[in-house]
């Protein structure tokens, strides 16, 4: 194993824990929202976290056993989260004052995804191996898509949520 490998395996271990945490969080969010589109979106995010975890495990095992990443490992299917309301249905707007759980879930998820983007970006930057650099860059990009979708959803709901709850200075 080259001198970068201990640093890389430590980064992979941290990433696997984060993906597992993300999976469990998104499953909890899916179980606790009453919004059907939200349930579906959170389950899709959870599945992607599992896919990422499996990809990272494959890379970790390859590094441990061969000292090199597995160039054939792939991340899998990428869910589409588009539009102004990519996570929750527009029906949530009619009850936004009571959407405390959903707004909290968005805030937590945004933090998790931003942390993942930064972690994978840092690992990509620090890697000398082109394959390793590429898979961390791809993971960073993928998590960035999650981050942007969650942030877009939060922005769509924020003003109405704040106004309905009396939090807004507007």
N, C-alpha and C. Protein backbone atom coordinates (compact mmCIF):
# COMPACT_ATOMS: atom_id res chain seq x y z
N UNK A 1 0.85 -1.18 0.00
CA UNK A 1 0.00 0.00 0.00
C UNK A 1 0.89 1.24 0.00
N UNK A 2 0.53 2.23 -0.79
CA UNK A 2 1.36 3.44 -0.85
C UNK A 2 1.16 4.29 0.40
N UNK A 3 2.00 5.32 0.59
CA UNK A 3 1.91 6.13 1.82
C UNK A 3 0.59 6.89 1.97
N UNK A 4 -0.14 7.08 0.88
CA UNK A 4 -1.42 7.79 0.96
C UNK A 4 -2.50 6.87 1.52
N UNK A 5 -2.33 5.58 1.38
CA UNK A 5 -3.38 4.62 1.72
C UNK A 5 -3.89 4.74 3.16
N UNK A 6 -3.04 4.86 4.19
CA UNK A 6 -3.62 5.00 5.55
C UNK A 6 -4.53 6.22 5.67
N UNK A 7 -4.14 7.33 5.08
CA UNK A 7 -4.98 8.53 5.08
C UNK A 7 -6.28 8.26 4.32
N UNK A 8 -6.15 7.57 3.20
CA UNK A 8 -7.30 7.26 2.36
C UNK A 8 -8.26 6.30 3.06
N UNK A 9 -7.73 5.25 3.67
CA UNK A 9 -8.62 4.31 4.36
C UNK A 9 -9.33 4.98 5.53
N UNK A 10 -8.65 5.88 6.22
CA UNK A 10 -9.30 6.63 7.30
C UNK A 10 -10.42 7.50 6.74
N UNK A 11 -10.17 8.16 5.62
CA UNK A 11 -11.20 8.97 4.97
C UNK A 11 -12.39 8.13 4.53
N UNK A 12 -12.11 6.93 4.02
CA UNK A 12 -13.18 6.02 3.62
C UNK A 12 -13.98 5.55 4.83
N UNK A 13 -13.31 5.27 5.92
CA UNK A 13 -14.01 4.85 7.14
C UNK A 13 -14.96 5.95 7.62
N UNK A 14 -14.48 7.18 7.63
CA UNK A 14 -15.33 8.31 8.05
C UNK A 14 -16.51 8.47 7.09
N UNK A 15 -16.24 8.30 5.80
CA UNK A 15 -17.30 8.44 4.80
C UNK A 15 -18.35 7.34 4.96
N UNK A 16 -17.91 6.12 5.26
CA UNK A 16 -18.87 5.02 5.45
C UNK A 16 -19.78 5.28 6.65
N UNK A 17 -19.22 5.80 7.72
CA UNK A 17 -20.03 6.14 8.89
C UNK A 17 -21.04 7.22 8.52
N UNK A 18 -20.59 8.24 7.79
CA UNK A 18 -21.49 9.33 7.40
C UNK A 18 -22.61 8.84 6.49
N UNK A 19 -22.30 7.95 5.55
CA UNK A 19 -23.33 7.42 4.65
C UNK A 19 -24.34 6.57 5.43
N UNK A 20 -23.85 5.79 6.39
CA UNK A 20 -24.75 5.00 7.23
C UNK A 20 -25.65 5.91 8.06
N UNK A 21 -25.07 6.95 8.64
CA UNK A 21 -25.87 7.92 9.40
C UNK A 21 -26.91 8.57 8.50
N UNK A 22 -26.51 8.94 7.29
CA UNK A 22 -27.44 9.55 6.34
C UNK A 22 -28.58 8.61 6.00
N UNK A 23 -28.26 7.35 5.77
CA UNK A 23 -29.30 6.36 5.47
C UNK A 23 -30.33 6.31 6.61
N UNK A 24 -29.84 6.16 7.83
CA UNK A 24 -30.76 6.04 8.97
C UNK A 24 -31.57 7.32 9.19
N UNK A 25 -30.94 8.46 8.99
CA UNK A 25 -31.66 9.72 9.12
C UNK A 25 -32.78 9.82 8.08
N UNK A 26 -32.46 9.52 6.81
CA UNK A 26 -33.47 9.64 5.76
C UNK A 26 -34.61 8.64 5.95
N UNK A 27 -34.30 7.44 6.45
CA UNK A 27 -35.38 6.48 6.73
C UNK A 27 -36.27 6.98 7.86
N UNK A 28 -35.66 7.57 8.89
CA UNK A 28 -36.44 8.15 9.98
C UNK A 28 -37.31 9.29 9.46
N UNK A 29 -36.74 10.13 8.60
CA UNK A 29 -37.51 11.24 8.04
C UNK A 29 -38.67 10.72 7.20
N UNK A 30 -38.44 9.67 6.42
CA UNK A 30 -39.51 9.08 5.59
C UNK A 30 -40.64 8.55 6.46
N UNK A 31 -40.28 7.93 7.57
CA UNK A 31 -41.28 7.37 8.47
C UNK A 31 -42.09 8.45 9.19
N UNK A 32 -41.51 9.60 9.39
CA UNK A 32 -42.15 10.61 10.24
C UNK A 32 -42.84 11.75 9.51
N UNK A 33 -42.64 11.87 8.21
CA UNK A 33 -43.39 12.91 7.50
C UNK A 33 -44.72 12.34 7.04
N UNK A 34 -45.74 13.17 7.02
CA UNK A 34 -47.05 12.73 6.52
C UNK A 34 -47.21 13.06 5.04
N UNK A 35 -46.24 13.75 4.47
CA UNK A 35 -46.29 14.12 3.05
C UNK A 35 -45.81 12.94 2.20
N UNK A 36 -46.67 12.43 1.33
CA UNK A 36 -46.33 11.24 0.54
C UNK A 36 -45.14 11.47 -0.38
N UNK A 37 -45.07 12.64 -1.01
CA UNK A 37 -43.91 12.93 -1.86
C UNK A 37 -42.65 12.99 -1.01
N UNK A 38 -42.76 13.54 0.19
CA UNK A 38 -41.64 13.60 1.11
C UNK A 38 -41.17 12.20 1.50
N UNK A 39 -42.13 11.30 1.79
CA UNK A 39 -41.77 9.92 2.11
C UNK A 39 -40.96 9.30 0.97
N UNK A 40 -41.46 9.48 -0.23
CA UNK A 40 -40.80 8.91 -1.40
C UNK A 40 -39.41 9.52 -1.62
N UNK A 41 -39.31 10.83 -1.49
CA UNK A 41 -38.02 11.51 -1.68
C UNK A 41 -37.01 11.08 -0.62
N UNK A 42 -37.44 11.02 0.63
CA UNK A 42 -36.53 10.60 1.70
C UNK A 42 -36.09 9.15 1.52
N UNK A 43 -37.00 8.30 1.05
CA UNK A 43 -36.62 6.90 0.79
C UNK A 43 -35.61 6.82 -0.35
N UNK A 44 -35.81 7.64 -1.38
CA UNK A 44 -34.85 7.66 -2.50
C UNK A 44 -33.48 8.15 -2.02
N UNK A 45 -33.48 9.17 -1.18
CA UNK A 45 -32.20 9.65 -0.62
C UNK A 45 -31.55 8.57 0.24
N UNK A 46 -32.35 7.86 1.02
CA UNK A 46 -31.82 6.77 1.85
C UNK A 46 -31.19 5.69 0.98
N UNK A 47 -31.87 5.33 -0.11
CA UNK A 47 -31.34 4.31 -1.01
C UNK A 47 -30.02 4.76 -1.63
N UNK A 48 -29.92 6.02 -1.99
CA UNK A 48 -28.67 6.53 -2.54
C UNK A 48 -27.56 6.48 -1.49
N UNK A 49 -27.89 6.77 -0.24
CA UNK A 49 -26.88 6.68 0.81
C UNK A 49 -26.39 5.23 0.95
N UNK A 50 -27.31 4.26 0.83
CA UNK A 50 -26.91 2.85 0.88
C UNK A 50 -26.02 2.49 -0.31
N UNK A 51 -26.39 3.00 -1.49
CA UNK A 51 -25.56 2.76 -2.69
C UNK A 51 -24.15 3.32 -2.48
N UNK A 52 -24.08 4.52 -1.93
CA UNK A 52 -22.78 5.15 -1.66
C UNK A 52 -21.99 4.32 -0.65
N UNK A 53 -22.69 3.85 0.39
CA UNK A 53 -22.03 3.03 1.41
C UNK A 53 -21.45 1.76 0.79
N UNK A 54 -22.22 1.11 -0.07
CA UNK A 54 -21.73 -0.12 -0.72
C UNK A 54 -20.53 0.19 -1.60
N UNK A 55 -20.59 1.28 -2.34
CA UNK A 55 -19.47 1.70 -3.19
C UNK A 55 -18.22 1.93 -2.35
N UNK A 56 -18.38 2.63 -1.24
CA UNK A 56 -17.25 2.93 -0.36
C UNK A 56 -16.69 1.65 0.26
N UNK A 57 -17.57 0.72 0.64
CA UNK A 57 -17.11 -0.56 1.19
C UNK A 57 -16.29 -1.33 0.15
N UNK A 58 -16.76 -1.31 -1.09
CA UNK A 58 -16.03 -1.99 -2.17
C UNK A 58 -14.65 -1.37 -2.34
N UNK A 59 -14.58 -0.05 -2.33
CA UNK A 59 -13.29 0.63 -2.48
C UNK A 59 -12.39 0.35 -1.28
N UNK A 60 -12.98 0.36 -0.12
CA UNK A 60 -12.21 0.10 1.11
C UNK A 60 -11.60 -1.30 1.06
N UNK A 61 -12.43 -2.29 0.73
CA UNK A 61 -11.94 -3.67 0.65
C UNK A 61 -10.85 -3.82 -0.41
N UNK A 62 -11.02 -3.15 -1.55
CA UNK A 62 -10.01 -3.21 -2.61
C UNK A 62 -8.69 -2.61 -2.12
N UNK A 63 -8.77 -1.48 -1.44
CA UNK A 63 -7.55 -0.85 -0.93
C UNK A 63 -6.85 -1.71 0.12
N UNK A 64 -7.63 -2.33 0.98
CA UNK A 64 -7.06 -3.18 2.02
C UNK A 64 -6.40 -4.42 1.40
N UNK A 65 -7.09 -5.03 0.43
CA UNK A 65 -6.58 -6.29 -0.11
C UNK A 65 -5.55 -6.13 -1.23
N UNK A 66 -5.66 -5.07 -2.04
CA UNK A 66 -4.75 -4.93 -3.19
C UNK A 66 -3.89 -3.68 -3.14
N UNK A 67 -4.27 -2.74 -2.28
CA UNK A 67 -3.53 -1.47 -2.24
C UNK A 67 -3.97 -0.49 -3.31
N UNK A 68 -4.98 -0.89 -4.10
CA UNK A 68 -5.48 -0.03 -5.19
C UNK A 68 -7.00 0.03 -5.14
N UNK A 69 -7.58 1.12 -5.65
CA UNK A 69 -9.04 1.20 -5.71
C UNK A 69 -9.58 0.25 -6.78
N UNK A 70 -10.84 -0.10 -6.66
CA UNK A 70 -11.53 -0.93 -7.65
C UNK A 70 -12.04 -0.02 -8.76
N UNK A 71 -11.41 -0.08 -9.92
CA UNK A 71 -11.79 0.80 -11.03
C UNK A 71 -13.12 0.43 -11.66
N UNK A 72 -13.64 -0.76 -11.34
CA UNK A 72 -14.92 -1.21 -11.91
C UNK A 72 -16.12 -0.88 -11.03
N UNK A 73 -15.89 -0.44 -9.82
CA UNK A 73 -17.00 -0.12 -8.91
C UNK A 73 -17.75 1.11 -9.42
N UNK A 74 -19.06 1.06 -9.34
CA UNK A 74 -19.91 2.17 -9.78
C UNK A 74 -20.88 2.55 -8.68
N UNK A 75 -21.30 3.80 -8.71
CA UNK A 75 -22.20 4.32 -7.67
C UNK A 75 -23.65 3.87 -7.83
N UNK A 76 -24.10 3.57 -9.01
CA UNK A 76 -25.48 3.14 -9.19
C UNK A 76 -26.37 4.24 -9.71
N UNK A 77 -27.67 4.03 -9.55
CA UNK A 77 -28.69 4.94 -10.08
C UNK A 77 -28.75 6.24 -9.27
N UNK A 78 -28.91 7.32 -9.99
CA UNK A 78 -29.02 8.64 -9.36
C UNK A 78 -30.46 9.14 -9.50
N UNK A 79 -31.12 9.38 -8.38
CA UNK A 79 -32.51 9.87 -8.39
C UNK A 79 -32.54 11.31 -8.88
N UNK A 80 -33.67 11.69 -9.45
CA UNK A 80 -33.85 13.05 -9.96
C UNK A 80 -34.62 13.87 -8.93
N UNK A 81 -34.03 14.96 -8.51
CA UNK A 81 -34.68 15.88 -7.58
C UNK A 81 -34.68 17.25 -8.24
N UNK A 82 -35.73 17.53 -9.00
CA UNK A 82 -35.75 18.79 -9.74
C UNK A 82 -36.96 19.63 -9.35
N UNK A 83 -36.98 20.85 -9.84
CA UNK A 83 -38.09 21.75 -9.58
C UNK A 83 -37.92 22.52 -8.29
N UNK A 84 -38.84 23.45 -8.07
CA UNK A 84 -38.79 24.29 -6.88
C UNK A 84 -39.16 23.51 -5.62
N UNK A 85 -39.94 22.45 -5.78
CA UNK A 85 -40.36 21.63 -4.64
C UNK A 85 -39.94 20.17 -4.88
N UNK A 86 -38.62 19.90 -4.83
CA UNK A 86 -38.14 18.56 -5.17
C UNK A 86 -38.35 17.50 -4.10
N UNK A 87 -38.62 17.90 -2.88
CA UNK A 87 -38.75 16.95 -1.78
C UNK A 87 -40.21 16.76 -1.37
N UNK A 88 -40.91 17.85 -1.09
CA UNK A 88 -42.28 17.77 -0.60
C UNK A 88 -43.28 18.20 -1.66
N UNK A 89 -44.51 17.72 -1.51
CA UNK A 89 -45.58 18.11 -2.43
C UNK A 89 -45.98 19.56 -2.16
N UNK A 90 -46.61 20.15 -3.14
CA UNK A 90 -47.08 21.53 -2.96
C UNK A 90 -48.20 21.59 -1.91
N UNK A 91 -48.82 20.45 -1.62
CA UNK A 91 -49.87 20.40 -0.59
C UNK A 91 -49.31 20.74 0.79
N UNK A 92 -48.02 20.54 0.98
CA UNK A 92 -47.41 20.87 2.27
C UNK A 92 -47.53 22.37 2.55
N UNK A 93 -47.58 23.17 1.50
CA UNK A 93 -47.70 24.63 1.66
C UNK A 93 -48.97 25.00 2.41
N UNK A 94 -50.04 24.23 2.21
CA UNK A 94 -51.31 24.56 2.86
C UNK A 94 -51.27 24.30 4.36
N UNK A 95 -50.34 23.51 4.81
CA UNK A 95 -50.20 23.24 6.25
C UNK A 95 -48.79 23.55 6.74
N UNK A 96 -48.15 24.51 6.09
CA UNK A 96 -46.75 24.82 6.40
C UNK A 96 -46.55 25.26 7.85
N UNK A 97 -47.58 25.86 8.45
CA UNK A 97 -47.45 26.30 9.85
C UNK A 97 -47.19 25.11 10.78
N UNK A 98 -47.73 23.94 10.43
CA UNK A 98 -47.55 22.74 11.25
C UNK A 98 -46.39 21.87 10.77
N UNK A 99 -45.64 22.31 9.81
CA UNK A 99 -44.58 21.49 9.20
C UNK A 99 -43.25 21.59 9.95
N UNK A 100 -43.31 21.60 11.26
CA UNK A 100 -42.08 21.73 12.05
C UNK A 100 -41.12 20.57 11.81
N UNK A 101 -41.66 19.36 11.77
CA UNK A 101 -40.80 18.20 11.55
C UNK A 101 -40.11 18.29 10.19
N UNK A 102 -40.89 18.59 9.17
CA UNK A 102 -40.34 18.65 7.81
C UNK A 102 -39.27 19.73 7.68
N UNK A 103 -39.51 20.88 8.28
CA UNK A 103 -38.52 21.97 8.21
C UNK A 103 -37.25 21.60 8.98
N UNK A 104 -37.41 20.94 10.12
CA UNK A 104 -36.24 20.49 10.87
C UNK A 104 -35.47 19.43 10.09
N UNK A 105 -36.20 18.51 9.48
CA UNK A 105 -35.55 17.46 8.68
C UNK A 105 -34.76 18.08 7.54
N UNK A 106 -35.32 19.09 6.89
CA UNK A 106 -34.59 19.77 5.81
C UNK A 106 -33.30 20.39 6.34
N UNK A 107 -33.39 21.09 7.46
CA UNK A 107 -32.20 21.74 8.03
C UNK A 107 -31.10 20.74 8.36
N UNK A 108 -31.49 19.64 8.98
CA UNK A 108 -30.51 18.62 9.35
C UNK A 108 -29.91 17.98 8.10
N UNK A 109 -30.76 17.65 7.15
CA UNK A 109 -30.29 17.02 5.91
C UNK A 109 -29.35 17.94 5.14
N UNK A 110 -29.65 19.22 5.11
CA UNK A 110 -28.77 20.19 4.43
C UNK A 110 -27.39 20.17 5.08
N UNK A 111 -27.35 20.15 6.40
CA UNK A 111 -26.06 20.08 7.10
C UNK A 111 -25.30 18.80 6.80
N UNK A 112 -26.00 17.66 6.79
CA UNK A 112 -25.36 16.38 6.48
C UNK A 112 -24.77 16.39 5.08
N UNK A 113 -25.56 16.87 4.13
CA UNK A 113 -25.11 16.86 2.73
C UNK A 113 -23.95 17.83 2.51
N UNK A 114 -24.01 19.00 3.11
CA UNK A 114 -22.92 19.97 2.97
C UNK A 114 -21.62 19.38 3.54
N UNK A 115 -21.73 18.73 4.67
CA UNK A 115 -20.56 18.09 5.28
C UNK A 115 -19.98 17.03 4.34
N UNK A 116 -20.85 16.24 3.71
CA UNK A 116 -20.39 15.20 2.78
C UNK A 116 -19.72 15.82 1.56
N UNK A 117 -20.30 16.88 1.01
CA UNK A 117 -19.71 17.57 -0.15
C UNK A 117 -18.30 18.02 0.20
N UNK A 118 -18.16 18.64 1.35
CA UNK A 118 -16.85 19.16 1.77
C UNK A 118 -15.86 18.03 2.03
N UNK A 119 -16.30 16.97 2.69
CA UNK A 119 -15.42 15.85 3.01
C UNK A 119 -14.92 15.17 1.73
N UNK A 120 -15.85 14.86 0.82
CA UNK A 120 -15.45 14.19 -0.42
C UNK A 120 -14.60 15.11 -1.30
N UNK A 121 -14.92 16.38 -1.31
CA UNK A 121 -14.12 17.34 -2.08
C UNK A 121 -12.69 17.40 -1.56
N UNK A 122 -12.55 17.41 -0.25
CA UNK A 122 -11.22 17.44 0.37
C UNK A 122 -10.44 16.18 0.04
N UNK A 123 -11.10 15.02 0.14
CA UNK A 123 -10.42 13.76 -0.18
C UNK A 123 -10.02 13.71 -1.66
N UNK A 124 -10.87 14.23 -2.53
CA UNK A 124 -10.53 14.27 -3.96
C UNK A 124 -9.30 15.15 -4.18
N UNK A 125 -9.29 16.31 -3.55
CA UNK A 125 -8.15 17.23 -3.69
C UNK A 125 -6.85 16.63 -3.19
N UNK A 126 -6.93 15.90 -2.10
CA UNK A 126 -5.72 15.37 -1.46
C UNK A 126 -5.19 14.10 -2.12
N UNK A 127 -5.99 13.48 -2.97
CA UNK A 127 -5.58 12.21 -3.56
C UNK A 127 -4.66 12.39 -4.76
N UNK A 128 -3.61 11.58 -4.78
CA UNK A 128 -2.68 11.59 -5.92
C UNK A 128 -3.11 10.59 -6.98
N UNK A 129 -3.90 9.59 -6.60
CA UNK A 129 -4.35 8.56 -7.53
C UNK A 129 -5.54 9.08 -8.34
N UNK A 130 -5.46 8.99 -9.66
CA UNK A 130 -6.51 9.53 -10.54
C UNK A 130 -7.86 8.84 -10.33
N UNK A 131 -7.85 7.54 -10.11
CA UNK A 131 -9.11 6.81 -9.89
C UNK A 131 -9.76 7.23 -8.59
N UNK A 132 -8.96 7.34 -7.55
CA UNK A 132 -9.47 7.76 -6.24
C UNK A 132 -9.98 9.19 -6.32
N UNK A 133 -9.21 10.05 -6.95
CA UNK A 133 -9.61 11.45 -7.13
C UNK A 133 -10.97 11.51 -7.84
N UNK A 134 -11.12 10.71 -8.89
CA UNK A 134 -12.37 10.71 -9.68
C UNK A 134 -13.55 10.21 -8.86
N UNK A 135 -13.37 9.13 -8.08
CA UNK A 135 -14.55 8.65 -7.36
C UNK A 135 -14.94 9.57 -6.22
N UNK A 136 -13.99 10.22 -5.58
CA UNK A 136 -14.37 11.19 -4.55
C UNK A 136 -15.00 12.44 -5.17
N UNK A 137 -14.50 12.86 -6.33
CA UNK A 137 -15.11 14.00 -7.02
C UNK A 137 -16.54 13.68 -7.43
N UNK A 138 -16.77 12.44 -7.89
CA UNK A 138 -18.11 12.03 -8.28
C UNK A 138 -19.04 12.00 -7.07
N UNK A 139 -18.56 11.47 -5.95
CA UNK A 139 -19.36 11.47 -4.72
C UNK A 139 -19.68 12.89 -4.27
N UNK A 140 -18.70 13.77 -4.34
CA UNK A 140 -18.92 15.16 -3.95
C UNK A 140 -19.99 15.80 -4.82
N UNK A 141 -19.92 15.54 -6.13
CA UNK A 141 -20.91 16.08 -7.06
C UNK A 141 -22.30 15.52 -6.76
N UNK A 142 -22.38 14.24 -6.50
CA UNK A 142 -23.65 13.59 -6.19
C UNK A 142 -24.26 14.19 -4.93
N UNK A 143 -23.47 14.31 -3.88
CA UNK A 143 -23.96 14.88 -2.63
C UNK A 143 -24.33 16.36 -2.81
N UNK A 144 -23.61 17.04 -3.69
CA UNK A 144 -23.93 18.43 -3.99
C UNK A 144 -25.33 18.54 -4.59
N UNK A 145 -25.71 17.57 -5.42
CA UNK A 145 -27.07 17.54 -5.98
C UNK A 145 -28.11 17.39 -4.89
N UNK A 146 -27.84 16.53 -3.91
CA UNK A 146 -28.75 16.38 -2.77
C UNK A 146 -28.85 17.70 -2.00
N UNK A 147 -27.70 18.28 -1.71
CA UNK A 147 -27.63 19.54 -0.96
C UNK A 147 -28.46 20.62 -1.67
N UNK A 148 -28.26 20.76 -2.97
CA UNK A 148 -28.97 21.81 -3.72
C UNK A 148 -30.47 21.57 -3.74
N UNK A 149 -30.91 20.32 -3.89
CA UNK A 149 -32.34 20.01 -3.90
C UNK A 149 -32.97 20.32 -2.54
N UNK A 150 -32.30 19.93 -1.48
CA UNK A 150 -32.81 20.19 -0.13
C UNK A 150 -32.85 21.69 0.16
N UNK A 151 -31.82 22.40 -0.25
CA UNK A 151 -31.77 23.84 -0.05
C UNK A 151 -32.87 24.55 -0.84
N UNK A 152 -33.10 24.10 -2.08
CA UNK A 152 -34.17 24.67 -2.91
C UNK A 152 -35.52 24.46 -2.22
N UNK A 153 -35.73 23.26 -1.68
CA UNK A 153 -36.98 22.98 -0.99
C UNK A 153 -37.14 23.87 0.23
N UNK A 154 -36.08 24.03 1.00
CA UNK A 154 -36.13 24.88 2.18
C UNK A 154 -36.46 26.32 1.78
N UNK A 155 -35.83 26.81 0.74
CA UNK A 155 -36.08 28.18 0.29
C UNK A 155 -37.52 28.36 -0.18
N UNK A 156 -38.09 27.33 -0.81
CA UNK A 156 -39.47 27.39 -1.27
C UNK A 156 -40.44 27.53 -0.10
N UNK A 157 -40.14 26.87 1.00
CA UNK A 157 -41.05 26.86 2.15
C UNK A 157 -40.76 27.91 3.21
N UNK A 158 -39.52 28.38 3.26
CA UNK A 158 -39.04 29.18 4.39
C UNK A 158 -39.89 30.42 4.69
N UNK A 159 -40.12 31.27 3.73
CA UNK A 159 -40.84 32.52 3.99
C UNK A 159 -42.25 32.27 4.53
N UNK A 160 -42.97 31.32 3.90
CA UNK A 160 -44.32 31.00 4.37
C UNK A 160 -44.29 30.35 5.75
N UNK A 161 -43.31 29.48 5.98
CA UNK A 161 -43.17 28.83 7.29
C UNK A 161 -42.89 29.87 8.37
N UNK A 162 -41.96 30.76 8.09
CA UNK A 162 -41.61 31.80 9.06
C UNK A 162 -42.80 32.72 9.32
N UNK A 163 -43.48 33.13 8.26
CA UNK A 163 -44.63 34.03 8.42
C UNK A 163 -45.75 33.34 9.19
N UNK A 164 -46.05 32.09 8.84
CA UNK A 164 -47.13 31.35 9.51
C UNK A 164 -46.81 31.10 10.98
N UNK A 165 -45.55 30.91 11.29
CA UNK A 165 -45.15 30.64 12.67
C UNK A 165 -44.83 31.89 13.47
N UNK A 166 -44.87 33.05 12.82
CA UNK A 166 -44.55 34.30 13.50
C UNK A 166 -43.06 34.49 13.75
N UNK A 167 -42.20 33.78 12.96
CA UNK A 167 -40.76 33.89 13.14
C UNK A 167 -40.16 35.00 12.30
N UNK A 168 -40.88 35.41 11.28
CA UNK A 168 -40.33 36.31 10.28
C UNK A 168 -40.38 37.77 10.71
N UNK A 169 -39.29 38.48 10.48
CA UNK A 169 -39.31 39.92 10.77
C UNK A 169 -40.05 40.71 9.70
N UNK A 170 -40.51 40.03 8.65
CA UNK A 170 -41.18 40.71 7.53
C UNK A 170 -42.55 41.21 7.90
